[in-house]
Amino acid sequence: FAVILIAIAASAIITHRKVEKANEQEKIASNIAQGASELSYLSNDYLIYRENPQLKRWQSRFASFSNQVASLNVEKPEQQVLVRNIKANEQRLKQVFDSVASAVGGSSENRSTALDLPFLQVSWSRMAVQSQGLVADASRLSQLLHQQMVQLRETRTMLIYFMVGLFGALLLASYLLTYRHILKSIATLQAGA
């Protein structure tokens, strides 16, 4: 009984740790989705104003975003596919933004707005595609991690209920065995007397 109880308790502890890890990864995935949206906003801001402060803000936010993407660590194959997609989209977003930033930075100030409008539309569209891909994949990963967390919590709850039930059965069995043993001893003593 003690071995079974220890095994169930160890399973409950391991499941609890997995729940904590899934919760942490879900928060990271949610932050990545939010970060992709922020990067989209910052890239639009840069395309509109074309100033160095907007460029620096985008680069700073992208560095933080990259750290979050690098900290993703999932176990299930479907989740790993999404993480690979997120990392690929992250690199493509950086490449697209760098190419747009170099084109914008190299453009002359005396270009007319009419000439810039097609360039702005194409640039915005290219970055929007990457950002939307990141948001979609990160949101889906967050949902999968949340589902995993719910399943793990249910498993942990079942293990705890099973452990409590098993412990109650042990107490009842111990009580009945002790009660019978005492009654048998009293009956033997009474017969002997």
N, C-alpha and C. Protein backbone atom coordinates (compact mmCIF):
# COMPACT_ATOMS: atom_id res chain seq x y z
N PHE A 1 0.82 -1.20 0.00
CA PHE A 1 0.00 0.00 0.00
C PHE A 1 0.86 1.25 0.00
N ALA A 2 1.92 1.23 0.80
CA ALA A 2 2.81 2.40 0.87
C ALA A 2 3.46 2.67 -0.48
N VAL A 3 3.86 1.61 -1.18
CA VAL A 3 4.47 1.77 -2.50
C VAL A 3 3.46 2.38 -3.48
N ILE A 4 2.22 1.89 -3.44
CA ILE A 4 1.19 2.43 -4.33
C ILE A 4 0.92 3.89 -4.00
N LEU A 5 0.83 4.19 -2.71
CA LEU A 5 0.59 5.56 -2.27
C LEU A 5 1.73 6.48 -2.70
N ILE A 6 2.97 6.03 -2.57
CA ILE A 6 4.13 6.83 -2.99
C ILE A 6 4.10 7.03 -4.51
N ALA A 7 3.77 5.99 -5.25
CA ALA A 7 3.73 6.09 -6.72
C ALA A 7 2.66 7.09 -7.15
N ILE A 8 1.50 7.04 -6.52
CA ILE A 8 0.43 7.98 -6.87
C ILE A 8 0.81 9.40 -6.49
N ALA A 9 1.41 9.56 -5.31
CA ALA A 9 1.84 10.90 -4.88
C ALA A 9 2.90 11.44 -5.83
N ALA A 10 3.85 10.61 -6.24
CA ALA A 10 4.88 11.04 -7.18
C ALA A 10 4.25 11.43 -8.52
N SER A 11 3.27 10.65 -8.97
CA SER A 11 2.58 10.99 -10.22
C SER A 11 1.87 12.33 -10.10
N ALA A 12 1.24 12.57 -8.97
CA ALA A 12 0.54 13.84 -8.75
C ALA A 12 1.52 15.01 -8.75
N ILE A 13 2.69 14.81 -8.14
CA ILE A 13 3.70 15.88 -8.11
C ILE A 13 4.25 16.13 -9.51
N ILE A 14 4.54 15.08 -10.26
CA ILE A 14 5.04 15.23 -11.63
C ILE A 14 4.01 15.92 -12.50
N THR A 15 2.75 15.53 -12.35
CA THR A 15 1.68 16.16 -13.12
C THR A 15 1.56 17.64 -12.76
N HIS A 16 1.71 17.96 -11.49
CA HIS A 16 1.66 19.36 -11.05
C HIS A 16 2.78 20.17 -11.71
N ARG A 17 3.95 19.61 -11.78
CA ARG A 17 5.07 20.30 -12.43
C ARG A 17 4.81 20.50 -13.92
N LYS A 18 4.21 19.49 -14.55
CA LYS A 18 3.88 19.63 -15.97
C LYS A 18 2.83 20.72 -16.18
N VAL A 19 1.88 20.83 -15.24
CA VAL A 19 0.87 21.89 -15.32
C VAL A 19 1.54 23.25 -15.23
N GLU A 20 2.48 23.39 -14.29
CA GLU A 20 3.20 24.66 -14.13
C GLU A 20 3.97 25.01 -15.40
N LYS A 21 4.63 24.02 -16.00
CA LYS A 21 5.40 24.26 -17.21
C LYS A 21 4.48 24.65 -18.37
N ALA A 22 3.37 23.95 -18.52
CA ALA A 22 2.41 24.28 -19.58
C ALA A 22 1.84 25.67 -19.38
N ASN A 23 1.58 26.03 -18.13
CA ASN A 23 1.07 27.38 -17.83
C ASN A 23 2.10 28.44 -18.21
N GLU A 24 3.34 28.18 -17.89
CA GLU A 24 4.42 29.13 -18.24
C GLU A 24 4.56 29.26 -19.76
N GLN A 25 4.51 28.14 -20.47
CA GLN A 25 4.63 28.18 -21.92
C GLN A 25 3.43 28.85 -22.56
N GLU A 26 2.24 28.67 -21.95
CA GLU A 26 1.04 29.33 -22.47
C GLU A 26 1.18 30.85 -22.34
N LYS A 27 1.71 31.30 -21.21
CA LYS A 27 1.92 32.74 -21.03
C LYS A 27 2.91 33.28 -22.06
N ILE A 28 3.97 32.52 -22.32
CA ILE A 28 4.95 32.94 -23.32
C ILE A 28 4.30 33.03 -24.70
N ALA A 29 3.49 32.02 -25.05
CA ALA A 29 2.82 32.03 -26.36
C ALA A 29 1.87 33.22 -26.48
N SER A 30 1.17 33.54 -25.39
CA SER A 30 0.27 34.71 -25.41
C SER A 30 1.07 35.99 -25.57
N ASN A 31 2.21 36.06 -24.88
CA ASN A 31 3.07 37.25 -25.01
C ASN A 31 3.63 37.38 -26.42
N ILE A 32 3.90 36.25 -27.07
CA ILE A 32 4.41 36.27 -28.44
C ILE A 32 3.34 36.81 -29.38
N ALA A 33 2.09 36.37 -29.19
CA ALA A 33 0.99 36.89 -30.03
C ALA A 33 0.84 38.40 -29.83
N GLN A 34 0.92 38.83 -28.59
CA GLN A 34 0.82 40.27 -28.31
C GLN A 34 2.03 41.00 -28.89
N GLY A 35 3.21 40.41 -28.75
CA GLY A 35 4.43 41.02 -29.28
C GLY A 35 4.39 41.17 -30.79
N ALA A 36 3.82 40.17 -31.48
CA ALA A 36 3.70 40.25 -32.94
C ALA A 36 2.78 41.40 -33.34
N SER A 37 1.72 41.58 -32.57
CA SER A 37 0.81 42.71 -32.83
C SER A 37 1.51 44.04 -32.60
N GLU A 38 2.29 44.11 -31.53
CA GLU A 38 3.04 45.34 -31.24
C GLU A 38 4.06 45.63 -32.33
N LEU A 39 4.74 44.58 -32.81
CA LEU A 39 5.71 44.76 -33.89
C LEU A 39 5.03 45.26 -35.16
N SER A 40 3.83 44.76 -35.42
CA SER A 40 3.09 45.23 -36.59
C SER A 40 2.77 46.71 -36.45
N TYR A 41 2.32 47.10 -35.27
CA TYR A 41 2.03 48.51 -35.02
C TYR A 41 3.29 49.36 -35.17
N LEU A 42 4.40 48.90 -34.59
CA LEU A 42 5.65 49.67 -34.66
C LEU A 42 6.18 49.75 -36.09
N SER A 43 6.01 48.68 -36.87
CA SER A 43 6.47 48.74 -38.26
C SER A 43 5.62 49.72 -39.06
N ASN A 44 4.32 49.75 -38.79
CA ASN A 44 3.45 50.74 -39.45
C ASN A 44 3.86 52.16 -39.06
N ASP A 45 4.16 52.33 -37.80
CA ASP A 45 4.60 53.63 -37.30
C ASP A 45 5.88 54.06 -38.03
N TYR A 46 6.80 53.12 -38.20
CA TYR A 46 8.05 53.44 -38.90
C TYR A 46 7.79 53.78 -40.36
N LEU A 47 6.90 53.01 -41.01
CA LEU A 47 6.60 53.29 -42.41
C LEU A 47 5.97 54.67 -42.59
N ILE A 48 5.18 55.08 -41.63
CA ILE A 48 4.52 56.39 -41.74
C ILE A 48 5.51 57.52 -41.50
N TYR A 49 6.27 57.44 -40.41
CA TYR A 49 7.13 58.55 -40.02
C TYR A 49 8.55 58.45 -40.56
N ARG A 50 9.05 57.23 -40.76
CA ARG A 50 10.39 56.99 -41.31
C ARG A 50 11.48 57.71 -40.53
N GLU A 51 11.37 57.63 -39.22
CA GLU A 51 12.37 58.29 -38.36
C GLU A 51 13.11 57.24 -37.54
N ASN A 52 14.29 57.63 -37.12
CA ASN A 52 15.16 56.74 -36.37
C ASN A 52 14.56 56.26 -35.04
N PRO A 53 13.85 57.11 -34.27
CA PRO A 53 13.28 56.61 -33.00
C PRO A 53 12.32 55.43 -33.20
N GLN A 54 11.50 55.49 -34.25
CA GLN A 54 10.58 54.37 -34.52
C GLN A 54 11.36 53.11 -34.89
N LEU A 55 12.44 53.28 -35.64
CA LEU A 55 13.29 52.14 -36.01
C LEU A 55 13.91 51.51 -34.76
N LYS A 56 14.40 52.33 -33.87
CA LYS A 56 15.03 51.81 -32.64
C LYS A 56 13.99 51.11 -31.75
N ARG A 57 12.79 51.67 -31.67
CA ARG A 57 11.74 51.02 -30.87
C ARG A 57 11.40 49.65 -31.45
N TRP A 58 11.29 49.57 -32.79
CA TRP A 58 10.99 48.29 -33.42
C TRP A 58 12.11 47.28 -33.13
N GLN A 59 13.34 47.71 -33.28
CA GLN A 59 14.47 46.80 -33.06
C GLN A 59 14.54 46.35 -31.60
N SER A 60 14.26 47.25 -30.68
CA SER A 60 14.26 46.90 -29.26
C SER A 60 13.15 45.89 -28.96
N ARG A 61 11.96 46.13 -29.49
CA ARG A 61 10.83 45.22 -29.25
C ARG A 61 11.08 43.88 -29.93
N PHE A 62 11.71 43.90 -31.09
CA PHE A 62 12.01 42.65 -31.78
C PHE A 62 13.02 41.82 -30.98
N ALA A 63 14.00 42.47 -30.36
CA ALA A 63 14.97 41.72 -29.54
C ALA A 63 14.26 41.03 -28.39
N SER A 64 13.36 41.72 -27.73
CA SER A 64 12.58 41.12 -26.64
C SER A 64 11.70 39.99 -27.17
N PHE A 65 11.08 40.22 -28.32
CA PHE A 65 10.24 39.23 -28.97
C PHE A 65 11.04 37.97 -29.30
N SER A 66 12.24 38.14 -29.83
CA SER A 66 13.10 37.00 -30.17
C SER A 66 13.47 36.18 -28.95
N ASN A 67 13.71 36.86 -27.83
CA ASN A 67 14.01 36.14 -26.59
C ASN A 67 12.83 35.29 -26.14
N GLN A 68 11.62 35.83 -26.29
CA GLN A 68 10.43 35.06 -25.92
C GLN A 68 10.27 33.85 -26.84
N VAL A 69 10.48 34.05 -28.12
CA VAL A 69 10.36 32.93 -29.07
C VAL A 69 11.40 31.86 -28.74
N ALA A 70 12.61 32.29 -28.40
CA ALA A 70 13.67 31.33 -28.07
C ALA A 70 13.36 30.54 -26.80
N SER A 71 12.56 31.11 -25.91
CA SER A 71 12.25 30.42 -24.64
C SER A 71 11.10 29.43 -24.76
N LEU A 72 10.51 29.32 -25.94
CA LEU A 72 9.46 28.31 -26.12
C LEU A 72 10.08 26.92 -26.09
N ASN A 73 9.48 26.05 -25.28
CA ASN A 73 9.97 24.68 -25.14
C ASN A 73 8.76 23.77 -24.95
N VAL A 74 8.32 23.14 -26.02
CA VAL A 74 7.13 22.30 -25.95
C VAL A 74 7.50 20.86 -26.28
N GLU A 75 6.60 19.94 -25.92
CA GLU A 75 6.91 18.52 -26.06
C GLU A 75 6.10 17.83 -27.14
N LYS A 76 4.86 18.23 -27.33
CA LYS A 76 3.97 17.53 -28.26
C LYS A 76 4.30 17.91 -29.70
N PRO A 77 4.19 16.96 -30.63
CA PRO A 77 4.55 17.22 -32.03
C PRO A 77 3.78 18.37 -32.67
N GLU A 78 2.47 18.46 -32.41
CA GLU A 78 1.68 19.54 -33.00
C GLU A 78 2.16 20.90 -32.50
N GLN A 79 2.54 20.95 -31.24
CA GLN A 79 3.05 22.19 -30.65
C GLN A 79 4.43 22.51 -31.23
N GLN A 80 5.24 21.50 -31.45
CA GLN A 80 6.58 21.72 -32.01
C GLN A 80 6.49 22.26 -33.43
N VAL A 81 5.51 21.80 -34.21
CA VAL A 81 5.31 22.32 -35.56
C VAL A 81 4.99 23.81 -35.49
N LEU A 82 4.12 24.19 -34.57
CA LEU A 82 3.77 25.61 -34.43
C LEU A 82 4.97 26.44 -34.01
N VAL A 83 5.80 25.89 -33.12
CA VAL A 83 7.00 26.62 -32.68
C VAL A 83 7.95 26.82 -33.85
N ARG A 84 8.11 25.79 -34.67
CA ARG A 84 8.97 25.93 -35.86
C ARG A 84 8.41 27.00 -36.80
N ASN A 85 7.09 27.01 -36.98
CA ASN A 85 6.47 28.03 -37.83
C ASN A 85 6.68 29.43 -37.25
N ILE A 86 6.56 29.55 -35.96
CA ILE A 86 6.76 30.85 -35.30
C ILE A 86 8.19 31.32 -35.51
N LYS A 87 9.14 30.42 -35.33
CA LYS A 87 10.54 30.80 -35.51
C LYS A 87 10.84 31.18 -36.96
N ALA A 88 10.25 30.44 -37.91
CA ALA A 88 10.46 30.77 -39.33
C ALA A 88 9.83 32.13 -39.66
N ASN A 89 8.61 32.37 -39.17
CA ASN A 89 7.96 33.65 -39.42
C ASN A 89 8.69 34.80 -38.75
N GLU A 90 9.27 34.51 -37.59
CA GLU A 90 10.06 35.54 -36.89
C GLU A 90 11.24 35.98 -37.77
N GLN A 91 11.94 35.01 -38.35
CA GLN A 91 13.08 35.34 -39.20
C GLN A 91 12.66 36.06 -40.48
N ARG A 92 11.54 35.60 -41.06
CA ARG A 92 11.04 36.27 -42.27
C ARG A 92 10.60 37.70 -41.96
N LEU A 93 9.96 37.91 -40.81
CA LEU A 93 9.55 39.26 -40.42
C LEU A 93 10.76 40.16 -40.30
N LYS A 94 11.83 39.65 -39.70
CA LYS A 94 13.06 40.43 -39.55
C LYS A 94 13.64 40.77 -40.92
N GLN A 95 13.68 39.78 -41.81
CA GLN A 95 14.21 40.02 -43.16
C GLN A 95 13.37 41.04 -43.92
N VAL A 96 12.06 40.92 -43.82
CA VAL A 96 11.18 41.86 -44.53
C VAL A 96 11.36 43.26 -43.96
N PHE A 97 11.36 43.36 -42.64
CA PHE A 97 11.51 44.70 -42.04
C PHE A 97 12.86 45.31 -42.38
N ASP A 98 13.92 44.49 -42.32
CA ASP A 98 15.25 45.02 -42.66
C ASP A 98 15.31 45.50 -44.10
N SER A 99 14.68 44.73 -45.02
CA SER A 99 14.70 45.18 -46.42
C SER A 99 13.89 46.45 -46.60
N VAL A 100 12.76 46.56 -45.91
CA VAL A 100 11.94 47.77 -45.99
C VAL A 100 12.68 48.94 -45.34
N ALA A 101 13.31 48.69 -44.20
CA ALA A 101 14.03 49.75 -43.49
C ALA A 101 15.19 50.26 -44.33
N SER A 102 15.87 49.35 -45.01
CA SER A 102 16.99 49.81 -45.84
C SER A 102 16.47 50.60 -47.05
N ALA A 103 15.34 50.20 -47.61
CA ALA A 103 14.76 50.94 -48.74
C ALA A 103 14.24 52.30 -48.29
N VAL A 104 13.60 52.33 -47.13
CA VAL A 104 13.07 53.60 -46.61
C VAL A 104 14.21 54.51 -46.19
N GLY A 105 15.20 53.94 -45.54
CA GLY A 105 16.34 54.73 -45.09
C GLY A 105 17.14 55.29 -46.25
N GLY A 106 17.16 54.57 -47.37
CA GLY A 106 17.92 55.02 -48.52
C GLY A 106 17.13 55.92 -49.45
N SER A 107 15.82 56.05 -49.18
CA SER A 107 15.02 56.89 -50.09
C SER A 107 15.29 58.36 -49.83
N SER A 108 15.17 59.12 -50.87
CA SER A 108 15.42 60.56 -50.73
C SER A 108 14.17 61.23 -50.18
N GLU A 109 14.36 62.32 -49.52
CA GLU A 109 13.26 63.05 -48.88
C GLU A 109 12.39 63.76 -49.89
N ASN A 110 12.86 64.01 -51.08
CA ASN A 110 12.09 64.79 -52.04
C ASN A 110 11.22 63.93 -52.96
N ARG A 111 11.07 62.63 -52.62
CA ARG A 111 10.18 61.79 -53.41
C ARG A 111 8.74 62.20 -53.13
N SER A 112 7.93 62.14 -54.10
CA SER A 112 6.54 62.58 -53.91
C SER A 112 5.75 61.51 -53.19
N THR A 113 4.66 61.93 -52.56
CA THR A 113 3.80 61.01 -51.83
C THR A 113 3.19 59.98 -52.77
N ALA A 114 2.88 60.39 -53.96
CA ALA A 114 2.27 59.47 -54.93
C ALA A 114 3.21 58.32 -55.27
N LEU A 115 4.49 58.61 -55.35
CA LEU A 115 5.46 57.54 -55.65
C LEU A 115 5.66 56.64 -54.44
N ASP A 116 5.52 57.18 -53.26
CA ASP A 116 5.74 56.40 -52.05
C ASP A 116 4.55 55.52 -51.71
N LEU A 117 3.37 55.88 -52.14
CA LEU A 117 2.16 55.14 -51.77
C LEU A 117 2.22 53.67 -52.20
N PRO A 118 2.56 53.33 -53.42
CA PRO A 118 2.66 51.90 -53.78
C PRO A 118 3.72 51.17 -52.95
N PHE A 119 4.84 51.84 -52.73
CA PHE A 119 5.89 51.22 -51.92
C PHE A 119 5.39 50.97 -50.50
N LEU A 120 4.70 51.95 -49.93
CA LEU A 120 4.16 51.79 -48.58
C LEU A 120 3.14 50.66 -48.51
N GLN A 121 2.29 50.58 -49.51
CA GLN A 121 1.28 49.53 -49.53
C GLN A 121 1.91 48.14 -49.62
N VAL A 122 2.87 47.99 -50.48
CA VAL A 122 3.55 46.69 -50.62
C VAL A 122 4.32 46.35 -49.35
N SER A 123 5.00 47.33 -48.79
CA SER A 123 5.78 47.10 -47.56
C SER A 123 4.86 46.74 -46.41
N TRP A 124 3.78 47.48 -46.27
CA TRP A 124 2.84 47.19 -45.19
C TRP A 124 2.26 45.80 -45.37
N SER A 125 1.90 45.46 -46.59
CA SER A 125 1.32 44.15 -46.87
C SER A 125 2.28 43.02 -46.55
N ARG A 126 3.53 43.16 -46.92
CA ARG A 126 4.53 42.12 -46.64
C ARG A 126 4.71 41.90 -45.14
N MET A 127 4.79 42.99 -44.39
CA MET A 127 4.96 42.87 -42.94
C MET A 127 3.69 42.37 -42.27
N ALA A 128 2.53 42.77 -42.80
CA ALA A 128 1.26 42.32 -42.23
C ALA A 128 1.10 40.81 -42.37
N VAL A 129 1.53 40.26 -43.50
CA VAL A 129 1.44 38.81 -43.71
C VAL A 129 2.27 38.07 -42.66
N GLN A 130 3.48 38.53 -42.43
CA GLN A 130 4.34 37.88 -41.43
C GLN A 130 3.77 38.03 -40.02
N SER A 131 3.32 39.23 -39.70
CA SER A 131 2.76 39.49 -38.37
C SER A 131 1.51 38.65 -38.13
N GLN A 132 0.65 38.57 -39.12
CA GLN A 132 -0.57 37.78 -38.96
C GLN A 132 -0.26 36.30 -38.80
N GLY A 133 0.74 35.83 -39.53
CA GLY A 133 1.16 34.44 -39.36
C GLY A 133 1.67 34.17 -37.96
N LEU A 134 2.45 35.10 -37.43
CA LEU A 134 2.96 34.96 -36.06
C LEU A 134 1.83 34.97 -35.05
N VAL A 135 0.91 35.90 -35.20
CA VAL A 135 -0.21 35.99 -34.26
C VAL A 135 -1.05 34.72 -34.31
N ALA A 136 -1.36 34.24 -35.51
CA ALA A 136 -2.18 33.04 -35.66
C ALA A 136 -1.50 31.82 -35.04
N ASP A 137 -0.22 31.62 -35.35
CA ASP A 137 0.49 30.45 -34.80
C ASP A 137 0.65 30.54 -33.29
N ALA A 138 0.97 31.73 -32.79
CA ALA A 138 1.14 31.90 -31.35
C ALA A 138 -0.19 31.72 -30.62
N SER A 139 -1.27 32.20 -31.20
CA SER A 139 -2.59 32.02 -30.58
C SER A 139 -2.98 30.55 -30.56
N ARG A 140 -2.73 29.85 -31.65
CA ARG A 140 -3.04 28.42 -31.71
C ARG A 140 -2.19 27.64 -30.70
N LEU A 141 -0.93 27.99 -30.60
CA LEU A 141 -0.06 27.34 -29.61
C LEU A 141 -0.56 27.60 -28.20
N SER A 142 -0.97 28.82 -27.94
CA SER A 142 -1.51 29.16 -26.62
C SER A 142 -2.75 28.32 -26.32
N GLN A 143 -3.62 28.13 -27.30
CA GLN A 143 -4.82 27.31 -27.11
C GLN A 143 -4.45 25.85 -26.84
N LEU A 144 -3.50 25.32 -27.61
CA LEU A 144 -3.07 23.94 -27.39
C LEU A 144 -2.46 23.74 -26.01
N LEU A 145 -1.66 24.70 -25.59
CA LEU A 145 -1.06 24.61 -24.26
C LEU A 145 -2.12 24.73 -23.17
N HIS A 146 -3.12 25.55 -23.39
CA HIS A 146 -4.20 25.67 -22.42
C HIS A 146 -4.97 24.35 -22.31
N GLN A 147 -5.26 23.72 -23.47
CA GLN A 147 -5.94 22.43 -23.46
C GLN A 147 -5.10 21.37 -22.74
N GLN A 148 -3.80 21.39 -22.98
CA GLN A 148 -2.90 20.45 -22.31
C GLN A 148 -2.94 20.69 -20.80
N MET A 149 -2.94 21.95 -20.41
CA MET A 149 -2.96 22.29 -18.99
C MET A 149 -4.26 21.80 -18.34
N VAL A 150 -5.39 21.98 -19.03
CA VAL A 150 -6.67 21.52 -18.49
C VAL A 150 -6.66 20.00 -18.33
N GLN A 151 -6.15 19.28 -19.32
CA GLN A 151 -6.07 17.81 -19.23
C GLN A 151 -5.17 17.38 -18.08
N LEU A 152 -4.05 18.05 -17.93
CA LEU A 152 -3.14 17.70 -16.84
C LEU A 152 -3.77 17.97 -15.48
N ARG A 153 -4.50 19.07 -15.37
CA ARG A 153 -5.19 19.37 -14.10
C ARG A 153 -6.23 18.31 -13.79
N GLU A 154 -6.96 17.87 -14.81
CA GLU A 154 -7.95 16.81 -14.60
C GLU A 154 -7.27 15.52 -14.16
N THR A 155 -6.16 15.20 -14.77
CA THR A 155 -5.41 14.00 -14.39
C THR A 155 -4.92 14.11 -12.96
N ARG A 156 -4.39 15.29 -12.61
CA ARG A 156 -3.91 15.50 -11.25
C ARG A 156 -5.04 15.36 -10.23
N THR A 157 -6.19 15.92 -10.56
CA THR A 157 -7.35 15.84 -9.66
C THR A 157 -7.78 14.40 -9.48
N MET A 158 -7.82 13.64 -10.59
CA MET A 158 -8.20 12.23 -10.49
C MET A 158 -7.20 11.45 -9.64
N LEU A 159 -5.92 11.73 -9.82
CA LEU A 159 -4.90 11.05 -9.01
C LEU A 159 -5.07 11.37 -7.52
N ILE A 160 -5.37 12.62 -7.23
CA ILE A 160 -5.55 13.00 -5.82
C ILE A 160 -6.78 12.32 -5.24
N TYR A 161 -7.89 12.31 -6.00
CA TYR A 161 -9.10 11.62 -5.52
C TYR A 161 -8.83 10.13 -5.32
N PHE A 162 -8.12 9.54 -6.27
CA PHE A 162 -7.80 8.12 -6.16
C PHE A 162 -6.93 7.87 -4.93
N MET A 163 -5.96 8.75 -4.68
CA MET A 163 -5.09 8.60 -3.53
C MET A 163 -5.88 8.72 -2.23
N VAL A 164 -6.78 9.68 -2.15
CA VAL A 164 -7.60 9.86 -0.95
C VAL A 164 -8.51 8.65 -0.76
N GLY A 165 -9.11 8.16 -1.86
CA GLY A 165 -9.97 6.98 -1.77
C GLY A 165 -9.19 5.75 -1.33
N LEU A 166 -8.00 5.59 -1.86
CA LEU A 166 -7.15 4.45 -1.49
C LEU A 166 -6.75 4.54 -0.02
N PHE A 167 -6.43 5.74 0.41
CA PHE A 167 -6.06 5.94 1.82
C PHE A 167 -7.26 5.65 2.73
N GLY A 168 -8.45 6.09 2.31
CA GLY A 168 -9.67 5.79 3.08
C GLY A 168 -9.93 4.30 3.14
N ALA A 169 -9.72 3.59 2.03
CA ALA A 169 -9.90 2.13 2.01
C ALA A 169 -8.91 1.46 2.95
N LEU A 170 -7.67 1.96 2.98
CA LEU A 170 -6.68 1.39 3.90
C LEU A 170 -7.11 1.60 5.35
N LEU A 171 -7.58 2.80 5.66
CA LEU A 171 -8.03 3.06 7.04
C LEU A 171 -9.20 2.16 7.42
N LEU A 172 -10.16 2.00 6.50
CA LEU A 172 -11.31 1.15 6.77
C LEU A 172 -10.88 -0.30 6.94
N ALA A 173 -10.01 -0.78 6.05
CA ALA A 173 -9.52 -2.16 6.16
C ALA A 173 -8.74 -2.36 7.45
N SER A 174 -7.93 -1.40 7.80
CA SER A 174 -7.15 -1.49 9.03
C SER A 174 -8.07 -1.51 10.25
N TYR A 175 -9.10 -0.67 10.22
CA TYR A 175 -10.05 -0.62 11.33
C TYR A 175 -10.78 -1.94 11.47
N LEU A 176 -11.28 -2.48 10.32
CA LEU A 176 -12.02 -3.74 10.37
C LEU A 176 -11.14 -4.89 10.84
N LEU A 177 -9.91 -4.95 10.34
CA LEU A 177 -9.00 -6.02 10.77
C LEU A 177 -8.66 -5.91 12.25
N THR A 178 -8.40 -4.69 12.69
CA THR A 178 -8.08 -4.49 14.10
C THR A 178 -9.29 -4.80 14.97
N TYR A 179 -10.47 -4.38 14.54
CA TYR A 179 -11.71 -4.62 15.29
C TYR A 179 -11.98 -6.11 15.40
N ARG A 180 -11.86 -6.84 14.27
CA ARG A 180 -12.06 -8.30 14.30
C ARG A 180 -11.02 -8.98 15.18
N HIS A 181 -9.78 -8.55 15.08
CA HIS A 181 -8.72 -9.15 15.88
C HIS A 181 -8.98 -8.94 17.37
N ILE A 182 -9.43 -7.76 17.72
CA ILE A 182 -9.72 -7.47 19.13
C ILE A 182 -10.92 -8.28 19.58
N LEU A 183 -12.00 -8.35 18.75
CA LEU A 183 -13.17 -9.14 19.13
C LEU A 183 -12.83 -10.61 19.27
N LYS A 184 -11.99 -11.14 18.36
CA LYS A 184 -11.59 -12.54 18.43
C LYS A 184 -10.79 -12.80 19.69
N SER A 185 -9.89 -11.84 20.03
CA SER A 185 -9.09 -12.01 21.23
C SER A 185 -9.95 -11.95 22.48
N ILE A 186 -10.95 -11.06 22.49
CA ILE A 186 -11.86 -10.96 23.63
C ILE A 186 -12.70 -12.22 23.74
N ALA A 187 -13.17 -12.75 22.62
CA ALA A 187 -13.97 -13.98 22.64
C ALA A 187 -13.13 -15.15 23.14
N THR A 188 -11.88 -15.23 22.70
CA THR A 188 -10.98 -16.30 23.16
C THR A 188 -10.72 -16.15 24.66
N LEU A 189 -10.53 -14.95 25.13
CA LEU A 189 -10.30 -14.69 26.55
C LEU A 189 -11.54 -15.04 27.37
N GLN A 190 -12.70 -14.69 26.81
CA GLN A 190 -13.96 -14.98 27.50
C GLN A 190 -14.19 -16.47 27.56
N ALA A 191 -13.92 -17.18 26.47
CA ALA A 191 -14.08 -18.64 26.46
C ALA A 191 -13.10 -19.28 27.42
N GLY A 192 -11.91 -18.75 27.52
CA GLY A 192 -10.91 -19.31 28.41
C GLY A 192 -11.28 -19.05 29.88
N ALA A 193 -11.93 -17.90 30.11
CA ALA A 193 -12.32 -17.57 31.48
C ALA A 193 -13.51 -18.44 31.86
